[in-house]
Protein backbone atom coordinates (compact mmCIF):
# COMPACT_ATOMS: atom_id res chain seq x y z
CA MET A 1 -4.37 -22.34 -16.00
CA ARG A 2 -2.81 -19.95 -13.40
CA ALA A 3 0.78 -21.03 -14.33
CA PHE A 4 0.12 -20.36 -17.83
CA HIS A 5 -1.26 -16.72 -16.77
CA LEU A 6 1.77 -16.25 -14.73
CA LYS A 7 4.08 -17.27 -17.90
CA ILE A 8 2.36 -14.51 -20.02
CA LEU A 9 2.64 -11.94 -17.39
CA PHE A 10 6.40 -12.81 -16.83
CA THR A 11 7.03 -12.83 -20.15
CA ALA A 12 5.74 -9.42 -20.88
CA LEU A 13 7.30 -7.92 -17.77
CA PHE A 14 10.69 -9.19 -18.63
CA PRO A 15 11.64 -6.76 -21.35
CA CYS A 16 11.02 -4.01 -18.72
CA VAL A 17 13.38 -5.42 -16.49
CA CYS A 18 15.93 -5.49 -19.01
CA LEU A 19 15.16 -2.03 -20.02
CA ALA A 20 15.73 -1.01 -16.41
CA ALA A 21 19.16 -2.80 -16.04
CA ASN A 22 19.97 -1.33 -19.59
CA ILE A 23 19.70 2.18 -18.42
CA GLN A 24 21.57 1.37 -15.44
CA GLU A 25 24.46 0.13 -17.80
CA GLN A 26 24.08 3.05 -20.00
CA TRP A 27 24.36 5.68 -17.56
CA GLN A 28 27.76 3.86 -15.92
CA SER A 29 29.40 3.55 -19.51
CA PHE A 30 28.49 7.52 -20.01
CA TYR A 31 29.88 8.35 -16.76
CA GLN A 32 33.24 6.48 -17.38
CA ARG A 33 33.57 7.96 -20.73
CA ASN A 34 32.86 11.45 -19.88
CA TRP A 35 35.29 11.21 -16.93
CA GLN A 36 38.28 9.98 -19.34
CA THR A 37 37.54 13.03 -21.57
CA GLY A 38 37.83 15.96 -19.33
CA SER A 39 40.47 17.87 -17.10
CA LEU A 40 40.00 17.99 -13.46
CA ILE A 41 39.04 21.41 -12.27
CA VAL A 42 39.67 21.12 -8.76
CA THR A 43 42.18 17.94 -7.60
CA ALA A 44 41.49 16.09 -4.27
CA GLU A 45 44.99 17.33 -3.12
CA GLN A 46 43.47 21.01 -3.42
CA PHE A 47 40.43 19.89 -1.36
CA ASN A 48 42.47 18.61 1.54
CA LEU A 49 44.50 21.97 1.93
CA PHE A 50 41.29 23.41 3.07
CA LEU A 51 39.03 22.83 6.07
CA PRO A 52 36.19 20.57 4.81
CA LYS A 53 33.48 22.38 7.21
CA LEU A 54 34.45 25.78 5.55
CA LEU A 55 33.72 24.58 2.23
CA ARG A 56 29.97 23.54 2.98
CA ALA A 57 27.25 25.89 2.49
CA ASN A 58 26.22 25.70 6.30
CA ALA A 59 29.53 27.47 7.32
CA ARG A 60 27.55 30.49 6.35
CA TYR A 61 24.80 30.11 8.76
CA PRO A 62 24.59 30.03 12.49
CA ASN A 63 24.92 26.72 13.94
CA PHE A 64 21.84 26.29 16.20
CA SER A 65 23.18 23.12 17.42
CA ARG A 66 25.63 24.71 19.39
CA TYR A 67 24.48 28.55 19.88
CA THR A 68 21.01 29.92 20.44
CA TRP A 69 19.25 33.28 19.38
CA GLU A 70 20.13 34.82 22.95
CA ASP A 71 24.03 34.04 22.27
CA ILE A 72 23.80 35.95 18.69
CA GLN A 73 21.93 38.51 20.13
CA PHE A 74 24.68 39.04 23.23
CA LEU A 75 27.43 39.09 20.42
CA TYR A 76 25.42 41.46 18.49
CA ASP A 77 25.07 44.02 21.51
CA VAL A 78 28.70 43.57 22.32
CA SER A 79 29.33 45.06 18.45
CA LYS A 80 27.04 47.99 19.08
CA THR A 81 28.23 48.84 22.66
CA CYS A 82 31.83 47.97 22.65
CA GLN A 83 31.37 46.35 26.19
CA THR A 84 29.67 43.15 27.95
CA ILE A 85 27.01 44.26 30.35
CA SER A 86 26.63 40.71 31.56
CA PRO A 87 29.20 37.98 32.28
CA VAL A 88 30.53 36.22 29.30
CA GLN A 89 29.43 32.29 29.02
CA THR A 90 32.65 29.97 28.14
CA HIS A 91 31.63 29.09 24.46
CA LEU A 92 31.08 32.92 23.60
CA LEU A 93 34.53 34.24 25.07
CA ALA A 94 36.49 33.91 21.58
CA ALA A 95 33.58 35.71 19.67
CA THR A 96 33.40 38.35 22.58
CA GLU A 97 36.94 38.93 22.28
CA PHE A 98 36.75 39.47 18.63
CA GLU A 99 33.68 41.72 18.91
CA LEU A 100 35.44 43.88 21.19
CA ALA A 101 38.48 44.06 18.97
CA LEU A 102 36.48 45.25 15.92
CA CYS A 103 34.49 47.59 17.88
CA ASN A 104 37.72 49.43 19.32
CA ASN A 105 39.38 48.87 15.82
CA GLN A 106 42.32 46.71 17.05
CA PRO A 107 44.36 45.01 14.88
CA ILE A 108 44.40 41.10 15.09
CA ASP A 109 47.23 38.80 14.37
CA ASP A 110 47.61 35.80 12.28
CA THR A 111 47.92 33.42 15.49
CA TRP A 112 44.56 34.01 16.93
CA PHE A 113 42.92 33.11 13.55
CA LEU A 114 44.98 30.16 13.74
CA THR A 115 44.35 29.02 17.24
CA HIS A 116 40.46 29.33 17.18
CA ASP A 117 37.66 27.97 15.86
CA PRO A 118 37.41 29.27 12.38
CA ILE A 119 33.39 29.69 12.09
CA HIS A 120 31.85 32.86 13.95
CA PRO A 121 28.64 32.10 16.07
CA ALA A 122 26.61 33.95 13.30
CA GLY A 123 27.61 32.16 10.32
CA GLY A 124 30.77 32.82 8.12
CA SER A 125 34.41 32.75 9.29
CA PHE A 126 36.05 35.16 11.52
CA LEU A 127 38.55 35.99 9.00
CA GLU A 128 36.13 37.24 6.59
CA ARG A 129 34.32 39.28 8.60
CA TYR A 130 37.95 40.69 9.79
CA LEU A 131 38.89 41.60 6.53
CA SER A 132 35.69 43.00 5.54
CA THR A 133 36.54 45.96 7.91
CA LYS A 134 40.28 45.92 6.90
CA SER A 135 39.90 46.70 3.20
CA ASN A 136 43.83 47.27 2.97
CA VAL A 137 45.00 44.30 4.52
CA THR A 138 45.65 41.15 2.49
CA PRO A 139 45.60 37.95 4.22
CA SER A 140 48.70 35.43 4.17
CA ASP A 141 48.43 32.37 2.24
CA ASN A 142 48.64 30.37 5.60
CA LEU A 143 44.95 32.14 6.35
CA LEU A 144 43.57 31.63 3.13
CA GLN A 145 42.16 28.28 4.59
CA TYR A 146 40.17 29.96 7.02
CA LEU A 147 37.97 31.75 4.12
CA THR A 148 34.80 30.08 3.18
CA LEU A 149 34.56 28.90 -0.32
CA TYR A 150 32.08 31.40 -1.26
CA ASP A 151 34.46 34.55 -0.46
CA PRO A 152 36.26 35.57 -3.73
CA ARG A 153 39.37 35.36 -1.91
CA HIS A 154 39.28 31.54 -1.57
CA PRO A 155 41.59 29.84 -4.11
CA LEU A 156 38.75 27.45 -5.02
CA HIS A 157 36.01 30.31 -5.50
CA LYS A 158 37.24 31.12 -9.10
CA PRO A 159 37.27 27.52 -10.39
CA LEU A 160 33.93 26.53 -8.56
CA SER A 161 32.00 30.27 -9.51
CA THR A 162 30.31 28.51 -12.32
CA LEU A 163 28.39 26.01 -10.27
CA SER A 164 25.62 26.88 -7.78
CA ILE A 165 25.64 26.29 -4.40
CA GLU A 166 23.12 23.48 -4.91
CA GLY A 167 25.68 21.64 -7.32
CA ARG A 168 28.14 22.07 -4.81
CA GLU A 169 26.54 20.42 -1.81
CA ALA A 170 25.13 17.72 -4.06
CA LEU A 171 28.92 16.79 -5.12
CA PHE A 172 29.97 17.39 -1.53
CA ASN A 173 27.41 15.07 -0.25
CA GLY A 174 28.71 12.14 -2.48
CA TYR A 175 26.81 12.48 -5.70
CA GLN A 176 29.08 11.98 -8.82
CA ALA A 177 27.40 13.99 -11.33
CA TRP A 178 25.46 17.21 -11.66
CA MET A 179 24.17 19.14 -14.73
CA GLU A 180 24.26 23.00 -14.51
CA ASN A 181 23.60 25.09 -17.69
CA ASP A 182 24.61 22.52 -20.10
CA THR A 183 27.76 21.63 -18.00
CA LEU A 184 28.43 18.32 -16.73
CA TRP A 185 30.16 18.16 -13.35
CA LEU A 186 31.49 15.22 -12.28
CA SER A 187 33.11 13.76 -8.86
CA ALA A 188 35.32 11.22 -8.25
CA GLU A 189 38.21 10.26 -5.94
CA GLN A 190 40.64 12.43 -8.08
CA GLY A 191 38.49 15.41 -7.59
CA TRP A 192 36.03 17.35 -9.64
CA LYS A 193 35.47 18.06 -13.73
CA ALA A 194 33.28 20.04 -15.68
CA ILE A 195 32.41 18.34 -19.06
CA SER A 196 31.06 21.18 -21.81
CA SER A 197 28.11 19.91 -24.05
CA SER A 198 30.19 19.57 -26.86
CA THR A 199 31.97 16.61 -24.96
CA TRP A 200 28.92 14.91 -23.23
CA ARG A 201 26.27 15.29 -25.96
CA PRO A 202 27.91 13.08 -28.68
CA ILE A 203 28.64 10.17 -25.97
CA ALA A 204 24.76 10.53 -24.63
CA HIS A 205 23.60 10.22 -28.43
CA GLU A 206 25.92 7.37 -29.07
CA LEU A 207 24.85 5.45 -25.92
CA ASN A 208 21.07 6.12 -27.01
CA ILE A 209 20.23 8.31 -23.60
CA LYS A 210 19.03 11.60 -23.08
CA PHE A 211 18.49 13.96 -20.19
CA THR A 212 15.33 15.99 -21.09
CA GLY A 213 11.76 14.39 -21.53
CA PRO A 214 8.31 14.03 -19.75
CA SER A 215 9.53 11.23 -17.77
CA CYS A 216 12.64 9.58 -16.27
CA GLU A 217 13.68 6.15 -16.27
CA LEU A 218 16.26 6.74 -14.16
CA ARG A 219 17.11 9.76 -11.58
CA TYR A 220 20.46 10.67 -10.39
CA SER A 221 21.42 13.80 -8.67
CA ASN A 222 19.56 16.31 -10.64
CA LEU A 223 19.54 14.68 -13.85
CA CYS A 224 16.52 12.91 -15.31
CA ILE A 225 18.05 9.97 -17.55
CA SER A 226 15.73 8.27 -20.35
CA GLN A 227 16.51 6.33 -23.34
CA GLN A 228 16.09 7.91 -26.61
CA ASN A 229 12.45 7.80 -28.60
CA ASN A 230 12.88 4.48 -30.02
CA ASN A 231 13.15 2.95 -26.51
CA LEU A 232 10.38 4.97 -25.52
CA LEU A 233 8.00 3.63 -28.24
CA LEU A 234 9.13 0.20 -27.27
CA GLN A 235 8.48 0.78 -23.70
CA ARG A 236 4.88 2.21 -24.62
CA PHE A 237 4.23 -0.83 -26.68
CA ILE A 238 5.16 -3.13 -23.80
CA ILE A 239 2.97 -1.39 -21.42
CA VAL A 240 0.04 -1.40 -23.66
CA SER A 241 0.84 -5.24 -24.36
CA ILE A 242 0.59 -5.82 -20.50
CA SER A 243 -2.44 -3.87 -20.16
CA VAL A 244 -4.15 -5.74 -22.84
CA ILE A 245 -2.83 -9.19 -21.68
CA LEU A 246 -4.03 -8.32 -17.95
CA LEU A 247 -7.47 -7.22 -19.55
CA PHE A 248 -7.83 -10.20 -21.42
CA ILE A 249 -7.13 -12.38 -18.34
CA PHE A 250 -9.58 -10.78 -16.29
CA GLY A 251 -12.20 -10.55 -19.16
CA ARG A 252 -11.84 -14.44 -19.47
CA GLY A 253 -12.04 -15.07 -15.91
CA VAL A 254 -14.98 -13.25 -15.59
CA TYR A 255 -16.40 -14.82 -18.77
CA PHE A 256 -15.68 -18.34 -17.36
CA LYS A 257 -17.32 -17.59 -14.06
CA ARG A 258 -20.53 -16.37 -16.10
CA GLN A 259 -20.19 -19.58 -17.99
CA GLN A 260 -20.04 -21.79 -14.72
CA ASN A 261 -23.12 -19.94 -13.13
CA ARG A 262 -25.23 -20.52 -15.92
CA GLU A 263 -24.06 -24.17 -16.48
CA LYS A 264 -24.97 -24.32 -12.78
CA ARG A 265 -28.42 -22.82 -13.06
CA PHE A 266 -29.52 -24.77 -15.95
CA ILE A 267 -28.35 -27.93 -13.84
CA LEU A 268 -30.50 -26.67 -11.07
CA GLN A 269 -33.49 -26.17 -13.46
CA LEU A 270 -33.34 -29.68 -15.04
CA LEU A 271 -32.90 -31.21 -11.94
CA THR A 272 -36.08 -29.66 -10.44
CA HIS A 273 -37.95 -30.32 -13.77
CA GLU A 274 -36.97 -33.77 -13.89
CA LEU A 275 -37.54 -34.45 -10.34
CA ARG A 276 -41.07 -33.35 -10.88
CA THR A 277 -42.21 -36.87 -12.51
CA PRO A 278 -40.91 -39.29 -10.06
CA ILE A 279 -42.05 -36.77 -7.13
CA THR A 280 -45.63 -37.09 -8.84
CA SER A 281 -45.47 -41.01 -8.95
CA LEU A 282 -44.18 -40.94 -5.54
CA GLY A 283 -47.21 -38.93 -4.41
CA LEU A 284 -49.68 -41.49 -5.94
CA THR A 285 -47.79 -44.52 -4.48
CA VAL A 286 -48.02 -42.69 -1.13
CA GLU A 287 -51.79 -42.31 -1.43
CA MET A 288 -52.39 -45.85 -2.25
CA LEU A 289 -50.36 -46.69 0.71
CA ARG A 290 -52.55 -44.54 2.74
CA ASP A 291 -55.59 -46.07 1.31
CA GLN A 292 -54.34 -49.48 2.71
CA PHE A 293 -52.86 -48.06 5.95
CA GLU A 294 -55.41 -49.56 8.42
CA GLN A 295 -54.40 -53.04 6.79
CA LEU A 296 -50.58 -52.83 7.33
CA THR A 297 -48.58 -53.64 10.57
CA GLU A 298 -47.48 -51.30 12.93
CA GLU A 299 -43.91 -51.59 11.86
CA THR A 300 -45.07 -51.05 8.34
CA GLN A 301 -47.23 -48.08 9.33
CA GLN A 302 -43.89 -46.35 10.83
CA VAL A 303 -42.24 -46.89 7.35
CA VAL A 304 -45.20 -45.35 5.43
CA TRP A 305 -45.20 -42.40 7.76
CA ARG A 306 -41.44 -41.90 6.98
CA LEU A 307 -42.31 -42.27 3.25
CA VAL A 308 -44.91 -39.78 3.65
CA SER A 309 -42.61 -37.22 5.26
CA ASP A 310 -39.84 -37.70 2.88
CA HIS A 311 -42.28 -37.28 0.08
CA GLN A 312 -43.71 -33.86 1.29
CA ARG A 313 -40.10 -32.43 1.89
CA LEU A 314 -39.07 -33.49 -1.73
CA ALA A 315 -42.36 -31.72 -3.09
CA GLN A 316 -41.75 -28.71 -0.77
CA LEU A 317 -37.82 -28.79 -1.97
CA THR A 318 -38.86 -28.92 -5.89
CA GLU A 319 -41.60 -26.24 -5.34
CA SER A 320 -39.37 -24.08 -3.74
CA SER A 321 -36.35 -24.56 -5.79
CA LYS A 322 -38.70 -23.71 -9.05
CA VAL A 323 -39.83 -20.38 -7.68
CA TYR A 324 -36.07 -19.36 -6.65
CA LEU A 325 -34.75 -20.36 -10.07
CA SER A 326 -37.78 -18.26 -11.89
CA THR A 327 -36.98 -14.97 -10.28
CA HIS A 328 -34.66 -12.96 -8.34
CA ASN A 329 -37.88 -10.91 -6.76
CA SER A 330 -37.91 -11.28 -2.83
CA HIS A 331 -41.68 -10.71 -2.85
CA GLN A 332 -42.27 -13.86 -4.93
CA LEU A 333 -40.86 -16.17 -2.69
CA LEU A 334 -43.20 -18.35 -0.96
CA GLU A 335 -44.16 -17.12 2.16
CA GLN A 336 -45.70 -18.90 5.12
CA SER A 337 -47.35 -17.64 8.27
CA ALA A 338 -46.37 -19.08 11.49
CA TYR A 339 -45.14 -18.01 15.01
CA ILE A 340 -41.42 -17.38 15.28
CA ARG A 341 -41.17 -19.71 18.51
CA ASP A 342 -42.64 -22.51 16.94
CA TRP A 343 -40.09 -22.27 14.05
CA LEU A 344 -36.96 -21.73 16.50
CA ASP A 345 -38.41 -24.80 18.77
CA HIS A 346 -38.27 -26.95 15.51
CA MET A 347 -34.76 -25.62 14.25
CA CYS A 348 -33.01 -25.39 17.31
CA GLU A 349 -34.19 -28.67 18.75
CA LYS A 350 -33.01 -30.48 15.40
CA HIS A 351 -29.60 -29.09 16.27
CA SER A 352 -29.49 -29.13 19.87
CA VAL A 353 -28.67 -25.67 20.59
CA ALA A 354 -30.25 -22.96 22.65
CA TYR A 355 -32.01 -20.19 21.60
CA HIS A 356 -33.30 -16.33 23.13
CA LEU A 357 -36.48 -14.73 21.66
CA ASN A 358 -37.58 -11.36 23.19
CA GLN A 359 -41.29 -11.58 21.99
CA ASP A 360 -43.24 -14.05 20.10
CA ARG A 361 -45.25 -13.19 17.32
CA GLU A 362 -46.78 -14.65 14.21
CA LEU A 363 -45.10 -13.64 11.08
CA SER A 364 -45.34 -14.24 7.26
CA LEU A 365 -41.92 -15.17 5.98
CA PRO A 366 -40.54 -17.41 3.39
CA TYR A 367 -39.73 -20.07 6.06
CA TYR A 368 -38.39 -22.53 3.87
CA TRP A 369 -35.55 -20.25 2.70
CA LEU A 370 -34.63 -18.80 5.99
CA SER A 371 -34.45 -22.21 7.70
CA ILE A 372 -31.90 -22.93 5.27
CA CYS A 373 -29.78 -19.95 6.16
CA LEU A 374 -30.07 -20.68 9.90
CA ASP A 375 -29.57 -24.25 9.36
CA ASN A 376 -26.41 -23.18 7.17
CA LEU A 377 -25.30 -20.79 10.22
CA VAL A 378 -25.64 -23.49 12.85
CA ARG A 379 -23.79 -25.92 11.02
CA ASN A 380 -20.90 -23.61 10.13
CA ALA A 381 -20.78 -22.64 13.96
CA LYS A 382 -20.60 -26.22 14.87
CA GLN A 383 -17.71 -27.11 12.39
CA HIS A 384 -15.52 -24.17 12.70
CA GLY A 385 -16.80 -22.52 16.03
CA LYS A 386 -15.42 -23.17 19.61
CA GLY A 387 -17.49 -23.29 22.97
CA ASP A 388 -21.33 -23.23 23.13
CA ILE A 389 -23.57 -22.02 20.56
CA LEU A 390 -26.58 -19.31 21.21
CA VAL A 391 -29.16 -18.37 18.69
CA SER A 392 -30.54 -15.05 19.67
CA VAL A 393 -34.00 -13.48 17.72
CA THR A 394 -34.80 -10.08 18.25
CA LEU A 395 -37.93 -8.64 16.92
CA THR A 396 -38.44 -4.93 16.45
CA ASP A 397 -39.18 -3.41 13.19
CA LYS A 398 -36.70 -5.87 11.95
CA LEU A 399 -36.10 -9.40 12.35
CA LYS A 400 -32.66 -9.86 13.60
CA ILE A 401 -31.47 -13.60 13.94
CA GLU A 402 -27.69 -13.76 15.47
CA VAL A 403 -25.85 -17.09 15.78
CA SER A 404 -22.96 -16.57 18.21
CA ASP A 405 -19.97 -18.97 19.56
CA GLN A 406 -16.98 -18.23 21.32
CA GLY A 407 -14.28 -18.61 18.55
CA ASP A 408 -12.62 -16.45 16.23
CA PHE A 409 -13.89 -16.01 12.75
CA PRO A 410 -10.99 -15.85 10.13
CA SER A 411 -10.25 -12.96 8.26
CA ALA A 412 -10.64 -12.56 4.41
CA ILE A 413 -7.06 -13.02 3.92
CA SER A 414 -6.71 -16.12 5.97
CA ARG A 415 -10.03 -17.81 4.25
CA PHE A 416 -8.53 -16.65 0.82
CA ILE A 417 -5.18 -18.53 1.72
CA THR A 418 -7.12 -21.56 3.10
CA GLY A 419 -9.44 -21.92 -0.03
CA ALA A 420 -6.46 -21.45 -2.16
CA ILE A 421 -4.21 -24.34 -0.27
CA ASN A 422 -6.89 -26.81 0.80
CA LYS A 423 -8.97 -28.90 -1.72
CA PRO A 424 -12.57 -28.25 -1.52
CA ASN A 425 -14.43 -30.38 1.08
CA SER A 426 -16.95 -33.08 -0.60
CA ASP A 427 -19.34 -32.72 2.62
CA ASN A 428 -19.20 -28.85 2.59
CA MET A 429 -19.24 -28.09 -0.98
CA GLY A 430 -18.26 -24.75 -0.51
CA MET A 431 -21.90 -23.05 -0.25
CA GLY A 432 -22.26 -22.15 3.31
CA LEU A 433 -22.00 -18.47 3.86
CA SER A 434 -22.04 -17.47 0.05
CA ILE A 435 -25.52 -19.12 -0.29
CA VAL A 436 -26.57 -17.47 3.17
CA ARG A 437 -25.52 -14.19 2.06
CA HIS A 438 -27.23 -14.40 -1.49
CA LEU A 439 -30.47 -15.78 0.01
CA ILE A 440 -30.86 -13.13 2.78
CA THR A 441 -30.52 -10.45 -0.09
CA MET A 442 -33.13 -11.93 -2.27
CA MET A 443 -35.27 -11.70 0.95
CA GLY A 444 -34.48 -7.99 1.18
CA GLY A 445 -31.96 -8.50 4.13
CA LYS A 446 -28.38 -8.61 4.97
CA LEU A 447 -25.92 -10.71 6.47
CA LYS A 448 -23.34 -9.39 9.03
CA ILE A 449 -20.33 -11.17 10.53
CA TYR A 450 -18.35 -9.71 13.54
CA ARG A 451 -14.83 -11.60 14.09
CA HIS A 452 -14.05 -11.58 17.87
CA PRO A 453 -15.99 -13.72 19.19
CA THR A 454 -17.69 -14.93 15.97
CA ARG A 455 -21.28 -13.67 15.27
CA CYS A 456 -23.18 -14.30 12.01
CA ILE A 457 -26.30 -11.84 12.28
CA LEU A 458 -29.33 -11.93 9.36
CA VAL A 459 -31.08 -8.66 9.65
CA LEU A 460 -34.71 -9.10 7.58
CA PRO A 461 -37.09 -5.82 7.46
CA LEU A 462 -40.51 -6.88 8.66
């Protein structure tokens, strides 16, 4: 059945995987076809003529990995006072020399720009700052590479002027596409191209993709790529189908679980009802043997006592089960009055475990069901725990029964994996802790479990 559910789920999810692969192929085809149609705006050879760091946006700002605010303040003071008040640090010698020349209106020859770092500590290039104070000076072609890309005199400024700073940085950072004002910018090893909307829109329509919409099947750079509405409808249909299938599987599981619980409850009710007749008949037999008890041999008397004891246990089990199956109200569970120490002596002696009790009191409790809970916890500790087992009982305004050992209780994930892999144990029927939790809840209490070390605690309000 589980394999059948997995097949259904895989069948429903497979079209989504195909759609994801399909949109990737469509995007690659779209990129290749547009690249083949457009002409280069800037070639790779043109880019290679200029210093890469002057083409980037961060060339316009201070490099704080190399300079500090104090360095920039020092250069500012030099530009205003035309003198150096304190000794100049080595990494500021060139910038200080430059600021003093500007301040004193001294010309700077081309050789100076060719032999020094092109970027000023405060951002921008030295050449740009120099030309801003010399409006009548025209830089030579050899010096143009010492301008930043954002200077209008830079040879690449005009062809890239329609592309924003974000777009330039995206393409410089390795993205192969950027959409801006309906113009598709493409990048490759050969250079950059600008594809107009009249060119890329027909290709997008032919490939059944679009770049606008409430959702994106593929994001690349600033592009939101998705398929046309017909595929979107198919996707929505697939999503709805998957949701329906999952709801069906979940509902089917809940339905079968409830059916199994009803069948189990019916079988328990049937057994309880059918056992009453043979137990009643067995009671009459016991009474007949009691009447003739004195005439029996000693060995036969021992057998009769065992028969009487077994009859009492069966009668109590039948009566308690009848009450349990007829109600979920803890107040209607059969209660008996007894001293806690007497009950603990009987339970712990049967399992040969030690117990500790802070005080002894006579209480009215559903001892039969409480005995089942304690019996399950002790058996579980013997089977799965380690070291000595101790039963600690504390009486306050609550009855607290703790069964502890020196083992580590498995986590929920471990129990799930173990239950999924291992076959059910015929000696353990899988009821253990689940039936303890259910019974103590019916009594108005709760079960607490601690893992390191293992401690199972029953808490029952008095």
